[in-house]
Amino acid sequence: MGSVIVDCAIYRDGHRTEGPEDFSDALDQARSAGGFVWIGLHEPTEEEFEHVTQEFGLHPLAVEDALKAHQRPKLEVYDDSLFVVVKPVVYEPESDTVSSGEVMIFLGDAFVVVVRHGEGAALKAVRQRLEHEPELLGKGPTSVLYAITDAAVDHYLEVATELQTDLEELEADVFSPDGGSRNTASRIYTFKRQVLEFRRATGPLVPPLARLAGTGAFGGAVPFVNDHARPFFRDVHDHITRVNDSVEGLDRLVSDILSAHLAQMSVRQNDDMRKISAWAAMAAVPTMIAGVYGMNFEHMPELHWVWAYPAVIVLMAALEVLLYRMFKRRGWL
């Protein structure tokens, strides 16, 4: 188990004390002292997590979700614990991509078990923040749930800002005089996929946070969550609502930009076709005249006339000038 345990400690009155190696002893000590034990694990296997499951009495369905990962953000209530899934998001500025990890939180009367999947879900900073705020940490396991969700949602706001900057650059490229580069459509599609990945993390988290905050239709109490923590969860819920508004705005704007780019491409193709047609029409006139006089018939009009050749050349030139001016006036050239 040592390879997957990130940290394990008992917290009493908002202060940390190192927990024993045996989880059952840690839980008994935490309960007897009025504190709680906080265990953090990183991508445990089923065999490695079996001991934790037995000692803390975790529900098998929640355990299955925690081990398999790839879950939507959610909140589930079981007899002996609360199970919450949060998807932290990481923005990669080098590749302008969004990737997500997963954090599964088991919350009980005197324990918090956190299972992390992915490199983008590190919780070391969350633990350090709480350990420097003993008053908040003294509120029990609820404080851990609040700190994890708050950190994830605050980072959502940062990612939304980065995506907004990328969208502005993409918009400037699309509406530039040259209409963007050849791979603009590919960039727009890639950006839309990043927004979708971001939306999968933020959208489903709204109902769980609303339930924890006790807002709207979710007014009932949630087991294992301190009722005095509702104002804190309401603040997180307000933030996630703002994030989702930003994500919806990004999604609408990128769709509008894609439509505008496709319209520009269509107009540009029509312009190109008109130009090609105009030049083809101008080339057809002298070709037709030259073809008539190149049929080698003996009795041709003005065939033996001295000025026939220059007259035909002048006629061709005049028709070409006439066609050019007509196409130019209509915007075909």
C-alpha atoms as a PDB file:
ATOM      1  CA  MET A   1       0.000   0.000   0.000  1.00  0.00           C
ATOM      2  CA  GLY A   2       2.943   2.340   0.574  1.00  0.00           C
ATOM      3  CA  SER A   3       3.342   2.970  -3.165  1.00  0.00           C
ATOM      4  CA  VAL A   4      -0.194   4.335  -3.564  1.00  0.00           C
ATOM      5  CA  ILE A   5      -0.624   6.196  -0.249  1.00  0.00           C
ATOM      6  CA  VAL A   6       0.136   9.857  -0.845  1.00  0.00           C
ATOM      7  CA  ASP A   7      -0.502  10.943   2.753  1.00  0.00           C
ATOM      8  CA  CYS A   8      -2.229   9.717   5.914  1.00  0.00           C
ATOM      9  CA  ALA A   9      -2.813  11.719   9.066  1.00  0.00           C
ATOM     10  CA  ILE A  10      -5.215  12.244  11.957  1.00  0.00           C
ATOM     11  CA  TYR A  11      -6.575  15.746  12.549  1.00  0.00           C
ATOM     12  CA  ARG A  12      -7.766  16.870  15.973  1.00  0.00           C
ATOM     13  CA  ASP A  13      -9.119  20.367  16.610  1.00  0.00           C
ATOM     14  CA  GLY A  14      -7.730  21.531  13.282  1.00  0.00           C
ATOM     15  CA  HIS A  15      -4.178  20.261  13.876  1.00  0.00           C
ATOM     16  CA  ARG A  16      -2.339  17.363  12.306  1.00  0.00           C
ATOM     17  CA  THR A  17      -0.962  14.330  14.073  1.00  0.00           C
ATOM     18  CA  GLU A  18       0.626  11.465  12.195  1.00  0.00           C
ATOM     19  CA  GLY A  19      -1.600   8.413  11.981  1.00  0.00           C
ATOM     20  CA  PRO A  20      -0.556   4.827  12.724  1.00  0.00           C
ATOM     21  CA  GLU A  21       0.172   2.395   9.943  1.00  0.00           C
ATOM     22  CA  ASP A  22      -2.986   0.386  10.637  1.00  0.00           C
ATOM     23  CA  PHE A  23      -6.042   2.144   9.250  1.00  0.00           C
ATOM     24  CA  SER A  24      -8.363   0.589  11.823  1.00  0.00           C
ATOM     25  CA  ASP A  25      -6.238   1.976  14.648  1.00  0.00           C
ATOM     26  CA  ALA A  26      -6.206   5.392  12.957  1.00  0.00           C
ATOM     27  CA  LEU A  27      -9.973   5.452  12.648  1.00  0.00           C
ATOM     28  CA  ASP A  28     -10.457   4.326  16.264  1.00  0.00           C
ATOM     29  CA  GLN A  29      -8.043   6.983  17.499  1.00  0.00           C
ATOM     30  CA  ALA A  30      -9.747   9.675  15.436  1.00  0.00           C
ATOM     31  CA  ARG A  31     -13.193   8.771  16.749  1.00  0.00           C
ATOM     32  CA  SER A  32     -12.084   8.560  20.360  1.00  0.00           C
ATOM     33  CA  ALA A  33     -10.376  11.953  20.139  1.00  0.00           C
ATOM     34  CA  GLY A  34     -13.218  13.666  18.289  1.00  0.00           C
ATOM     35  CA  GLY A  35     -11.111  14.126  15.163  1.00  0.00           C
ATOM     36  CA  PHE A  36     -10.908  12.466  11.769  1.00  0.00           C
ATOM     37  CA  VAL A  37      -8.417  10.600   9.611  1.00  0.00           C
ATOM     38  CA  TRP A  38      -7.567  11.776   6.100  1.00  0.00           C
ATOM     39  CA  ILE A  39      -6.015   9.291   3.694  1.00  0.00           C
ATOM     40  CA  GLY A  40      -4.912  10.182   0.168  1.00  0.00           C
ATOM     41  CA  LEU A  41      -4.266   7.488  -2.462  1.00  0.00           C
ATOM     42  CA  HIS A  42      -3.104   7.667  -6.068  1.00  0.00           C
ATOM     43  CA  GLU A  43      -4.512   5.161  -8.584  1.00  0.00           C
ATOM     44  CA  PRO A  44      -4.728   2.101  -6.294  1.00  0.00           C
ATOM     45  CA  THR A  45      -5.439  -1.340  -7.670  1.00  0.00           C
ATOM     46  CA  GLU A  46      -8.346  -3.443  -6.463  1.00  0.00           C
ATOM     47  CA  GLU A  47      -6.045  -5.518  -4.251  1.00  0.00           C
ATOM     48  CA  GLU A  48      -4.365  -2.431  -2.795  1.00  0.00           C
ATOM     49  CA  PHE A  49      -7.710  -0.764  -2.054  1.00  0.00           C
ATOM     50  CA  GLU A  50      -9.297  -3.857  -0.520  1.00  0.00           C
ATOM     51  CA  HIS A  51      -7.856  -3.173   2.962  1.00  0.00           C
ATOM     52  CA  VAL A  52      -9.171   0.392   2.933  1.00  0.00           C
ATOM     53  CA  THR A  53     -12.592  -0.809   1.793  1.00  0.00           C
ATOM     54  CA  GLN A  54     -12.877  -3.288   4.645  1.00  0.00           C
ATOM     55  CA  GLU A  55     -11.592  -1.005   7.399  1.00  0.00           C
ATOM     56  CA  PHE A  56     -13.777   1.972   6.482  1.00  0.00           C
ATOM     57  CA  GLY A  57     -16.820   0.010   5.343  1.00  0.00           C
ATOM     58  CA  LEU A  58     -16.999   1.632   1.909  1.00  0.00           C
ATOM     59  CA  HIS A  59     -19.878   0.696  -0.353  1.00  0.00           C
ATOM     60  CA  PRO A  60     -18.851  -1.745  -3.130  1.00  0.00           C
ATOM     61  CA  LEU A  61     -20.573   0.269  -5.873  1.00  0.00           C
ATOM     62  CA  ALA A  62     -18.679   3.418  -4.907  1.00  0.00           C
ATOM     63  CA  VAL A  63     -15.456   1.418  -4.632  1.00  0.00           C
ATOM     64  CA  GLU A  64     -15.983   0.072  -8.143  1.00  0.00           C
ATOM     65  CA  ASP A  65     -16.419   3.608  -9.482  1.00  0.00           C
ATOM     66  CA  ALA A  66     -13.344   4.823  -7.615  1.00  0.00           C
ATOM     67  CA  LEU A  67     -11.161   2.060  -9.021  1.00  0.00           C
ATOM     68  CA  LYS A  68     -12.346   2.208 -12.637  1.00  0.00           C
ATOM     69  CA  ALA A  69     -12.397   6.019 -12.836  1.00  0.00           C
ATOM     70  CA  HIS A  70     -13.796   7.701 -15.985  1.00  0.00           C
ATOM     71  CA  GLN A  71     -16.777   8.900 -13.963  1.00  0.00           C
ATOM     72  CA  ARG A  72     -18.925  12.001 -14.318  1.00  0.00           C
ATOM     73  CA  PRO A  73     -18.902  14.455 -11.410  1.00  0.00           C
ATOM     74  CA  LYS A  74     -21.581  13.293  -8.991  1.00  0.00           C
ATOM     75  CA  LEU A  75     -22.687  12.925  -5.381  1.00  0.00           C
ATOM     76  CA  GLU A  76     -24.010   9.637  -3.986  1.00  0.00           C
ATOM     77  CA  VAL A  77     -25.236   8.955  -0.456  1.00  0.00           C
ATOM     78  CA  TYR A  78     -24.705   5.538   1.140  1.00  0.00           C
ATOM     79  CA  ASP A  79     -25.459   4.252   4.628  1.00  0.00           C
ATOM     80  CA  ASP A  80     -21.992   4.769   6.076  1.00  0.00           C
ATOM     81  CA  SER A  81     -20.412   7.320   3.771  1.00  0.00           C
ATOM     82  CA  LEU A  82     -20.810   9.973   1.124  1.00  0.00           C
ATOM     83  CA  PHE A  83     -19.220   9.507  -2.303  1.00  0.00           C
ATOM     84  CA  VAL A  84     -18.305  12.554  -4.399  1.00  0.00           C
ATOM     85  CA  VAL A  85     -16.550  12.680  -7.774  1.00  0.00           C
ATOM     86  CA  VAL A  86     -14.780  15.839  -8.968  1.00  0.00           C
ATOM     87  CA  LYS A  87     -12.853  16.277 -12.220  1.00  0.00           C
ATOM     88  CA  PRO A  88      -9.983  18.779 -11.870  1.00  0.00           C
ATOM     89  CA  VAL A  89      -8.919  20.312 -15.177  1.00  0.00           C
ATOM     90  CA  VAL A  90      -5.437  21.256 -16.382  1.00  0.00           C
ATOM     91  CA  TYR A  91      -4.681  23.652 -19.257  1.00  0.00           C
ATOM     92  CA  GLU A  92      -1.504  22.971 -21.253  1.00  0.00           C
ATOM     93  CA  PRO A  93      -0.319  26.311 -22.703  1.00  0.00           C
ATOM     94  CA  GLU A  94       2.281  24.672 -24.954  1.00  0.00           C
ATOM     95  CA  SER A  95      -0.335  22.692 -26.868  1.00  0.00           C
ATOM     96  CA  ASP A  96      -3.427  24.766 -25.974  1.00  0.00           C
ATOM     97  CA  THR A  97      -5.186  21.638 -24.762  1.00  0.00           C
ATOM     98  CA  VAL A  98      -7.391  20.806 -21.790  1.00  0.00           C
ATOM     99  CA  SER A  99      -6.952  17.564 -19.863  1.00  0.00           C
ATOM    100  CA  SER A 100      -8.820  16.346 -16.816  1.00  0.00           C
ATOM    101  CA  GLY A 101      -8.074  14.094 -13.872  1.00  0.00           C
ATOM    102  CA  GLU A 102     -10.448  12.596 -11.339  1.00  0.00           C
ATOM    103  CA  VAL A 103     -10.774  12.850  -7.579  1.00  0.00           C
ATOM    104  CA  MET A 104     -13.046  10.440  -5.697  1.00  0.00           C
ATOM    105  CA  ILE A 105     -13.905  11.422  -2.142  1.00  0.00           C
ATOM    106  CA  PHE A 106     -15.314   9.039   0.472  1.00  0.00           C
ATOM    107  CA  LEU A 107     -16.639  11.071   3.398  1.00  0.00           C
ATOM    108  CA  GLY A 108     -17.692   9.473   6.685  1.00  0.00           C
ATOM    109  CA  ASP A 109     -18.335  10.490  10.261  1.00  0.00           C
ATOM    110  CA  ALA A 110     -14.633  10.505  11.141  1.00  0.00           C
ATOM    111  CA  PHE A 111     -12.740   9.810   7.944  1.00  0.00           C
ATOM    112  CA  VAL A 112     -11.970  11.131   4.479  1.00  0.00           C
ATOM    113  CA  VAL A 113     -10.543   8.791   1.857  1.00  0.00           C
ATOM    114  CA  VAL A 114      -9.447  10.523  -1.341  1.00  0.00           C
ATOM    115  CA  VAL A 115      -8.598   8.498  -4.449  1.00  0.00           C
ATOM    116  CA  ARG A 116      -6.844  10.420  -7.198  1.00  0.00           C
ATOM    117  CA  HIS A 117      -6.533   9.478 -10.874  1.00  0.00           C
ATOM    118  CA  GLY A 118      -4.371  11.390 -13.338  1.00  0.00           C
ATOM    119  CA  GLU A 119      -1.462  13.747 -12.891  1.00  0.00           C
ATOM    120  CA  GLY A 120      -3.669  16.828 -13.094  1.00  0.00           C
ATOM    121  CA  ALA A 121      -5.425  16.159  -9.805  1.00  0.00           C
ATOM    122  CA  ALA A 122      -2.682  16.739  -7.226  1.00  0.00           C
ATOM    123  CA  LEU A 123      -4.065  17.698  -3.803  1.00  0.00           C
ATOM    124  CA  LYS A 124      -0.880  18.514  -1.925  1.00  0.00           C
ATOM    125  CA  ALA A 125      -1.611  22.233  -2.067  1.00  0.00           C
ATOM    126  CA  VAL A 126      -5.150  21.647  -0.753  1.00  0.00           C
ATOM    127  CA  ARG A 127      -3.854  19.722   2.254  1.00  0.00           C
ATOM    128  CA  GLN A 128      -1.219  22.373   2.967  1.00  0.00           C
ATOM    129  CA  ARG A 129      -3.804  25.128   2.728  1.00  0.00           C
ATOM    130  CA  LEU A 130      -6.100  23.406   5.219  1.00  0.00           C
ATOM    131  CA  GLU A 131      -3.260  22.670   7.627  1.00  0.00           C
ATOM    132  CA  HIS A 132      -2.525  26.406   7.689  1.00  0.00           C
ATOM    133  CA  GLU A 133      -6.190  27.151   8.459  1.00  0.00           C
ATOM    134  CA  PRO A 134      -6.901  25.201  11.660  1.00  0.00           C
ATOM    135  CA  GLU A 135     -10.202  26.979  12.222  1.00  0.00           C
ATOM    136  CA  LEU A 136     -11.534  25.680   8.905  1.00  0.00           C
ATOM    137  CA  LEU A 137      -9.915  22.263   9.332  1.00  0.00           C
ATOM    138  CA  GLY A 138     -11.513  22.003  12.761  1.00  0.00           C
ATOM    139  CA  LYS A 139     -14.936  21.704  11.128  1.00  0.00           C
ATOM    140  CA  GLY A 140     -14.157  18.063  10.390  1.00  0.00           C
ATOM    141  CA  PRO A 141     -14.259  15.979   7.204  1.00  0.00           C
ATOM    142  CA  THR A 142     -16.616  18.521   5.613  1.00  0.00           C
ATOM    143  CA  SER A 143     -13.741  20.990   5.438  1.00  0.00           C
ATOM    144  CA  VAL A 144     -11.778  18.587   3.217  1.00  0.00           C
ATOM    145  CA  LEU A 145     -14.688  18.164   0.822  1.00  0.00           C
ATOM    146  CA  TYR A 146     -15.139  21.932   0.655  1.00  0.00           C
ATOM    147  CA  ALA A 147     -11.425  22.612   0.093  1.00  0.00           C
ATOM    148  CA  ILE A 148     -11.151  20.061  -2.722  1.00  0.00           C
ATOM    149  CA  THR A 149     -14.233  21.309  -4.575  1.00  0.00           C
ATOM    150  CA  ASP A 150     -13.256  24.936  -4.014  1.00  0.00           C
ATOM    151  CA  ALA A 151      -9.742  24.389  -5.386  1.00  0.00           C
ATOM    152  CA  ALA A 152     -11.082  22.544  -8.441  1.00  0.00           C
ATOM    153  CA  VAL A 153     -13.679  25.212  -9.236  1.00  0.00           C
ATOM    154  CA  ASP A 154     -11.216  28.081  -8.711  1.00  0.00           C
ATOM    155  CA  HIS A 155      -8.915  26.419 -11.234  1.00  0.00           C
ATOM    156  CA  TYR A 156     -11.871  26.111 -13.611  1.00  0.00           C
ATOM    157  CA  LEU A 157     -12.062  29.910 -13.591  1.00  0.00           C
ATOM    158  CA  GLU A 158      -8.387  30.142 -14.557  1.00  0.00           C
ATOM    159  CA  VAL A 159      -8.828  27.631 -17.378  1.00  0.00           C
ATOM    160  CA  ALA A 160     -11.889  29.508 -18.641  1.00  0.00           C
ATOM    161  CA  THR A 161      -9.794  32.688 -18.802  1.00  0.00           C
ATOM    162  CA  GLU A 162      -7.064  30.901 -20.786  1.00  0.00           C
ATOM    163  CA  LEU A 163      -9.622  29.488 -23.215  1.00  0.00           C
ATOM    164  CA  GLN A 164     -11.153  32.940 -23.646  1.00  0.00           C
ATOM    165  CA  THR A 165      -7.721  34.282 -24.631  1.00  0.00           C
ATOM    166  CA  ASP A 166      -7.255  31.446 -27.146  1.00  0.00           C
ATOM    167  CA  LEU A 167     -10.695  32.133 -28.585  1.00  0.00           C
ATOM    168  CA  GLU A 168      -9.892  35.823 -29.082  1.00  0.00           C
ATOM    169  CA  GLU A 169      -6.721  34.883 -30.971  1.00  0.00           C
ATOM    170  CA  LEU A 170      -8.673  32.419 -33.103  1.00  0.00           C
ATOM    171  CA  GLU A 171     -11.332  35.028 -33.789  1.00  0.00           C
ATOM    172  CA  ALA A 172      -8.709  37.563 -34.865  1.00  0.00           C
ATOM    173  CA  ASP A 173      -7.211  34.994 -37.234  1.00  0.00           C
ATOM    174  CA  VAL A 174     -10.564  34.126 -38.802  1.00  0.00           C
ATOM    175  CA  PHE A 175     -11.554  37.744 -39.382  1.00  0.00           C
ATOM    176  CA  SER A 176      -8.137  38.871 -40.600  1.00  0.00           C
ATOM    177  CA  PRO A 177      -7.918  40.290 -44.166  1.00  0.00           C
ATOM    178  CA  ASP A 178      -6.605  36.995 -45.539  1.00  0.00           C
ATOM    179  CA  GLY A 179      -9.390  35.052 -43.812  1.00  0.00           C
ATOM    180  CA  GLY A 180      -7.066  32.879 -41.729  1.00  0.00           C
ATOM    181  CA  SER A 181      -4.561  30.176 -42.580  1.00  0.00           C
ATOM    182  CA  ARG A 182      -5.243  26.864 -44.299  1.00  0.00           C
ATOM    183  CA  ASN A 183      -5.557  24.971 -40.995  1.00  0.00           C
ATOM    184  CA  THR A 184      -7.962  27.472 -39.421  1.00  0.00           C
ATOM    185  CA  ALA A 185     -10.924  25.097 -39.651  1.00  0.00           C
ATOM    186  CA  SER A 186      -8.872  22.375 -37.976  1.00  0.00           C
ATOM    187  CA  ARG A 187      -7.886  24.779 -35.187  1.00  0.00           C
ATOM    188  CA  ILE A 188     -11.520  25.760 -34.637  1.00  0.00           C
ATOM    189  CA  TYR A 189     -12.592  22.125 -34.445  1.00  0.00           C
ATOM    190  CA  THR A 190      -9.749  21.303 -32.036  1.00  0.00           C
ATOM    191  CA  PHE A 191     -10.703  24.249 -29.845  1.00  0.00           C
ATOM    192  CA  LYS A 192     -14.323  23.110 -29.791  1.00  0.00           C
ATOM    193  CA  ARG A 193     -13.173  19.697 -28.565  1.00  0.00           C
ATOM    194  CA  GLN A 194     -11.252  21.385 -25.728  1.00  0.00           C
ATOM    195  CA  VAL A 195     -14.374  23.305 -24.724  1.00  0.00           C
ATOM    196  CA  LEU A 196     -16.346  20.047 -24.777  1.00  0.00           C
ATOM    197  CA  GLU A 197     -13.755  18.361 -22.549  1.00  0.00           C
ATOM    198  CA  PHE A 198     -13.961  21.311 -20.173  1.00  0.00           C
ATOM    199  CA  ARG A 199     -17.754  21.200 -20.189  1.00  0.00           C
ATOM    200  CA  ARG A 200     -17.783  17.525 -19.230  1.00  0.00           C
ATOM    201  CA  ALA A 201     -15.961  18.456 -16.036  1.00  0.00           C
ATOM    202  CA  THR A 202     -17.936  21.563 -15.069  1.00  0.00           C
ATOM    203  CA  GLY A 203     -21.532  20.912 -16.134  1.00  0.00           C
ATOM    204  CA  PRO A 204     -22.329  17.743 -14.132  1.00  0.00           C
ATOM    205  CA  LEU A 205     -20.783  19.272 -10.982  1.00  0.00           C
ATOM    206  CA  VAL A 206     -23.559  21.856 -10.609  1.00  0.00           C
ATOM    207  CA  PRO A 207     -26.259  19.570  -9.103  1.00  0.00           C
ATOM    208  CA  PRO A 208     -23.929  18.031  -6.450  1.00  0.00           C
ATOM    209  CA  LEU A 209     -22.750  21.463  -5.336  1.00  0.00           C
ATOM    210  CA  ALA A 210     -26.319  22.754  -5.300  1.00  0.00           C
ATOM    211  CA  ARG A 211     -27.258  19.834  -3.072  1.00  0.00           C
ATOM    212  CA  LEU A 212     -24.344  20.495  -0.732  1.00  0.00           C
ATOM    213  CA  ALA A 213     -25.276  24.177  -0.635  1.00  0.00           C
ATOM    214  CA  GLY A 214     -28.947  23.390  -0.052  1.00  0.00           C
ATOM    215  CA  THR A 215     -30.091  25.756  -2.802  1.00  0.00           C
ATOM    216  CA  GLY A 216     -33.164  25.567  -5.018  1.00  0.00           C
ATOM    217  CA  ALA A 217     -34.761  22.136  -5.125  1.00  0.00           C
ATOM    218  CA  PHE A 218     -31.855  20.661  -3.148  1.00  0.00           C
ATOM    219  CA  GLY A 219     -32.884  21.968   0.240  1.00  0.00           C
ATOM    220  CA  GLY A 220     -32.516  18.781   2.297  1.00  0.00           C
ATOM    221  CA  ALA A 221     -29.612  18.008   4.581  1.00  0.00           C
ATOM    222  CA  VAL A 222     -26.791  15.848   3.225  1.00  0.00           C
ATOM    223  CA  PRO A 223     -25.500  13.138   5.584  1.00  0.00           C
ATOM    224  CA  PHE A 224     -21.944  13.494   6.934  1.00  0.00           C
ATOM    225  CA  VAL A 225     -21.863  17.156   5.884  1.00  0.00           C
ATOM    226  CA  ASN A 226     -21.890  19.876   8.535  1.00  0.00           C
ATOM    227  CA  ASP A 227     -24.931  22.137   8.086  1.00  0.00           C
ATOM    228  CA  HIS A 228     -22.786  25.139   9.027  1.00  0.00           C
ATOM    229  CA  ALA A 229     -20.734  24.509   5.877  1.00  0.00           C
ATOM    230  CA  ARG A 230     -23.614  25.396   3.542  1.00  0.00           C
ATOM    231  CA  PRO A 231     -22.508  29.043   3.092  1.00  0.00           C
ATOM    232  CA  PHE A 232     -19.087  27.784   1.951  1.00  0.00           C
ATOM    233  CA  PHE A 233     -20.642  25.417  -0.585  1.00  0.00           C
ATOM    234  CA  ARG A 234     -22.976  28.182  -1.774  1.00  0.00           C
ATOM    235  CA  ASP A 235     -19.887  30.217  -2.625  1.00  0.00           C
ATOM    236  CA  VAL A 236     -18.440  27.292  -4.595  1.00  0.00           C
ATOM    237  CA  HIS A 237     -21.809  26.796  -6.300  1.00  0.00           C
ATOM    238  CA  ASP A 238     -21.861  30.455  -7.354  1.00  0.00           C
ATOM    239  CA  HIS A 239     -18.399  30.039  -8.860  1.00  0.00           C
ATOM    240  CA  ILE A 240     -19.287  26.876 -10.786  1.00  0.00           C
ATOM    241  CA  THR A 241     -22.397  28.616 -12.121  1.00  0.00           C
ATOM    242  CA  ARG A 242     -20.224  31.457 -13.396  1.00  0.00           C
ATOM    243  CA  VAL A 243     -17.818  28.960 -14.954  1.00  0.00           C
ATOM    244  CA  ASN A 244     -20.656  27.187 -16.767  1.00  0.00           C
ATOM    245  CA  ASP A 245     -21.932  30.504 -18.094  1.00  0.00           C
ATOM    246  CA  SER A 246     -18.445  31.171 -19.472  1.00  0.00           C
ATOM    247  CA  VAL A 247     -18.238  27.690 -20.999  1.00  0.00           C
ATOM    248  CA  GLU A 248     -21.622  28.079 -22.684  1.00  0.00           C
ATOM    249  CA  GLY A 249     -20.521  31.449 -24.038  1.00  0.00           C
ATOM    250  CA  LEU A 250     -17.298  29.931 -25.372  1.00  0.00           C
ATOM    251  CA  ASP A 251     -19.224  27.122 -27.023  1.00  0.00           C
ATOM    252  CA  ARG A 252     -21.645  29.510 -28.735  1.00  0.00           C
ATOM    253  CA  LEU A 253     -18.871  31.824 -29.886  1.00  0.00           C
ATOM    254  CA  VAL A 254     -16.717  29.055 -31.329  1.00  0.00           C
ATOM    255  CA  SER A 255     -19.755  27.717 -33.203  1.00  0.00           C
ATOM    256  CA  ASP A 256     -20.420  31.213 -34.593  1.00  0.00           C
ATOM    257  CA  ILE A 257     -16.767  31.570 -35.568  1.00  0.00           C
ATOM    258  CA  LEU A 258     -16.835  28.226 -37.359  1.00  0.00           C
ATOM    259  CA  SER A 259     -19.990  29.270 -39.267  1.00  0.00           C
ATOM    260  CA  ALA A 260     -18.391  32.597 -40.179  1.00  0.00           C
ATOM    261  CA  HIS A 261     -15.228  30.859 -41.378  1.00  0.00           C
ATOM    262  CA  LEU A 262     -17.201  28.414 -43.530  1.00  0.00           C
ATOM    263  CA  ALA A 263     -19.202  31.314 -44.979  1.00  0.00           C
ATOM    264  CA  GLN A 264     -15.960  33.123 -45.792  1.00  0.00           C
ATOM    265  CA  MET A 265     -14.586  30.024 -47.471  1.00  0.00           C
ATOM    266  CA  SER A 266     -17.782  29.665 -49.518  1.00  0.00           C
ATOM    267  CA  VAL A 267     -17.647  33.297 -50.632  1.00  0.00           C
ATOM    268  CA  ARG A 268     -13.963  32.951 -51.469  1.00  0.00           C
ATOM    269  CA  GLN A 269     -14.627  29.835 -53.534  1.00  0.00           C
ATOM    270  CA  ASN A 270     -17.437  31.619 -55.389  1.00  0.00           C
ATOM    271  CA  ASP A 271     -15.087  34.510 -56.129  1.00  0.00           C
ATOM    272  CA  ASP A 272     -12.479  32.112 -57.422  1.00  0.00           C
ATOM    273  CA  MET A 273     -15.037  30.358 -59.625  1.00  0.00           C
ATOM    274  CA  ARG A 274     -16.196  33.696 -61.076  1.00  0.00           C
ATOM    275  CA  LYS A 275     -12.616  34.670 -61.853  1.00  0.00           C
ATOM    276  CA  ILE A 276     -11.921  31.335 -63.495  1.00  0.00           C
ATOM    277  CA  SER A 277     -15.139  31.599 -65.515  1.00  0.00           C
ATOM    278  CA  ALA A 278     -14.316  35.158 -66.591  1.00  0.00           C
ATOM    279  CA  TRP A 279     -10.811  34.251 -67.750  1.00  0.00           C
ATOM    280  CA  ALA A 280     -12.157  31.159 -69.501  1.00  0.00           C
ATOM    281  CA  ALA A 281     -14.737  33.303 -71.356  1.00  0.00           C
ATOM    282  CA  MET A 282     -12.027  35.771 -72.388  1.00  0.00           C
ATOM    283  CA  ALA A 283      -9.840  32.937 -73.634  1.00  0.00           C
ATOM    284  CA  ALA A 284     -12.727  31.380 -75.560  1.00  0.00           C
ATOM    285  CA  VAL A 285     -13.277  34.405 -77.866  1.00  0.00           C
ATOM    286  CA  PRO A 286      -9.885  34.451 -79.618  1.00  0.00           C
ATOM    287  CA  THR A 287      -9.827  30.658 -79.599  1.00  0.00           C
ATOM    288  CA  MET A 288     -13.145  30.550 -81.452  1.00  0.00           C
ATOM    289  CA  ILE A 289     -12.106  33.132 -84.042  1.00  0.00           C
ATOM    290  CA  ALA A 290      -8.722  31.490 -84.573  1.00  0.00           C
ATOM    291  CA  GLY A 291     -10.449  28.138 -84.863  1.00  0.00           C
ATOM    292  CA  VAL A 292     -12.757  29.399 -87.608  1.00  0.00           C
ATOM    293  CA  TYR A 293      -9.890  30.767 -89.656  1.00  0.00           C
ATOM    294  CA  GLY A 294      -7.813  27.679 -89.034  1.00  0.00           C
ATOM    295  CA  MET A 295     -10.205  25.287 -90.806  1.00  0.00           C
ATOM    296  CA  ASN A 296      -8.292  25.676 -94.099  1.00  0.00           C
ATOM    297  CA  PHE A 297     -11.341  26.108 -96.317  1.00  0.00           C
ATOM    298  CA  GLU A 298     -10.626  27.697 -99.689  1.00  0.00           C
ATOM    299  CA  HIS A 299     -13.558  30.101 -99.737  1.00  0.00           C
ATOM    300  CA  MET A 300     -13.293  31.984 -96.450  1.00  0.00           C
ATOM    301  CA  PRO A 301     -14.566  35.557 -95.866  1.00  0.00           C
ATOM    302  CA  GLU A 302     -11.841  38.103 -96.493  1.00  0.00           C
ATOM    303  CA  LEU A 303      -9.338  35.279 -96.860  1.00  0.00           C
ATOM    304  CA  HIS A 304      -7.416  37.055 -99.608  1.00  0.00           C
ATOM    305  CA  TRP A 305      -7.964  40.516 -98.264  1.00  0.00           C
ATOM    306  CA  VAL A 306      -4.655  42.257 -97.439  1.00  0.00           C
ATOM    307  CA  TRP A 307      -5.911  43.725 -94.157  1.00  0.00           C
ATOM    308  CA  ALA A 308      -7.757  40.599 -93.023  1.00  0.00           C
ATOM    309  CA  TYR A 309      -5.064  39.406 -90.587  1.00  0.00           C
ATOM    310  CA  PRO A 310      -4.565  42.718 -88.716  1.00  0.00           C
ATOM    311  CA  ALA A 311      -8.333  43.252 -88.748  1.00  0.00           C
ATOM    312  CA  VAL A 312      -8.945  39.919 -87.020  1.00  0.00           C
ATOM    313  CA  ILE A 313      -6.223  40.656 -84.462  1.00  0.00           C
ATOM    314  CA  VAL A 314      -7.771  44.066 -83.735  1.00  0.00           C
ATOM    315  CA  LEU A 315     -11.224  42.448 -83.427  1.00  0.00           C
ATOM    316  CA  MET A 316      -9.870  39.904 -80.952  1.00  0.00           C
ATOM    317  CA  ALA A 317      -8.206  42.628 -78.890  1.00  0.00           C
ATOM    318  CA  ALA A 318     -11.339  44.771 -78.877  1.00  0.00           C
ATOM    319  CA  LEU A 319     -13.524  41.885 -77.742  1.00  0.00           C
ATOM    320  CA  GLU A 320     -11.034  41.009 -75.033  1.00  0.00           C
ATOM    321  CA  VAL A 321     -11.001  44.609 -73.730  1.00  0.00           C
ATOM    322  CA  LEU A 322     -14.791  44.730 -73.839  1.00  0.00           C
ATOM    323  CA  LEU A 323     -15.125  41.468 -71.893  1.00  0.00           C
ATOM    324  CA  TYR A 324     -12.473  42.511 -69.370  1.00  0.00           C
ATOM    325  CA  ARG A 325     -14.215  45.801 -68.620  1.00  0.00           C
ATOM    326  CA  MET A 326     -17.588  44.086 -68.319  1.00  0.00           C
ATOM    327  CA  PHE A 327     -16.288  41.434 -65.889  1.00  0.00           C
ATOM    328  CA  LYS A 328     -14.340  44.052 -63.951  1.00  0.00           C
ATOM    329  CA  ARG A 329     -17.433  46.234 -63.559  1.00  0.00           C
ATOM    330  CA  ARG A 330     -19.408  43.280 -62.200  1.00  0.00           C
ATOM    331  CA  GLY A 331     -16.692  42.315 -59.736  1.00  0.00           C
ATOM    332  CA  TRP A 332     -15.708  39.064 -61.392  1.00  0.00           C
ATOM    333  CA  LEU A 333     -12.111  40.161 -61.841  1.00  0.00           C
END
